[in-house]
Amino acid sequence: MFETVVRDGVVLKPLETWHARDFAEHMSRARDHIRPWVGPTFVTETVEGARATLSVTPQPQRTMGRASMDSGTTAGSSKA
């Protein structure tokens, strides 16, 4: 689907529900910084909340729908 190399060893790609634990861990570090730019339901405090944030609608449907409408997707980076 969508994948972009940001720099050597770092790849930007869509987050999926199976990334919930990593997303929750990141949110615990970034919560105060990101809060002004996202809605309150995006700022989760648990793995279950992170899973809910990443699965508002079924992932393939959400990603394809947003991508086709050019209205955005949720993406994160990982080391390649």
Foldseek 3Di string as FASTA:
>chain_A
DDWDAPDAFKIKDADALVCLVVLLVVLVVCVVVCVVPDDPLCNDNDSVSSSCNRPVDNNVCVVVVCVVVVNDGHMDMGGD
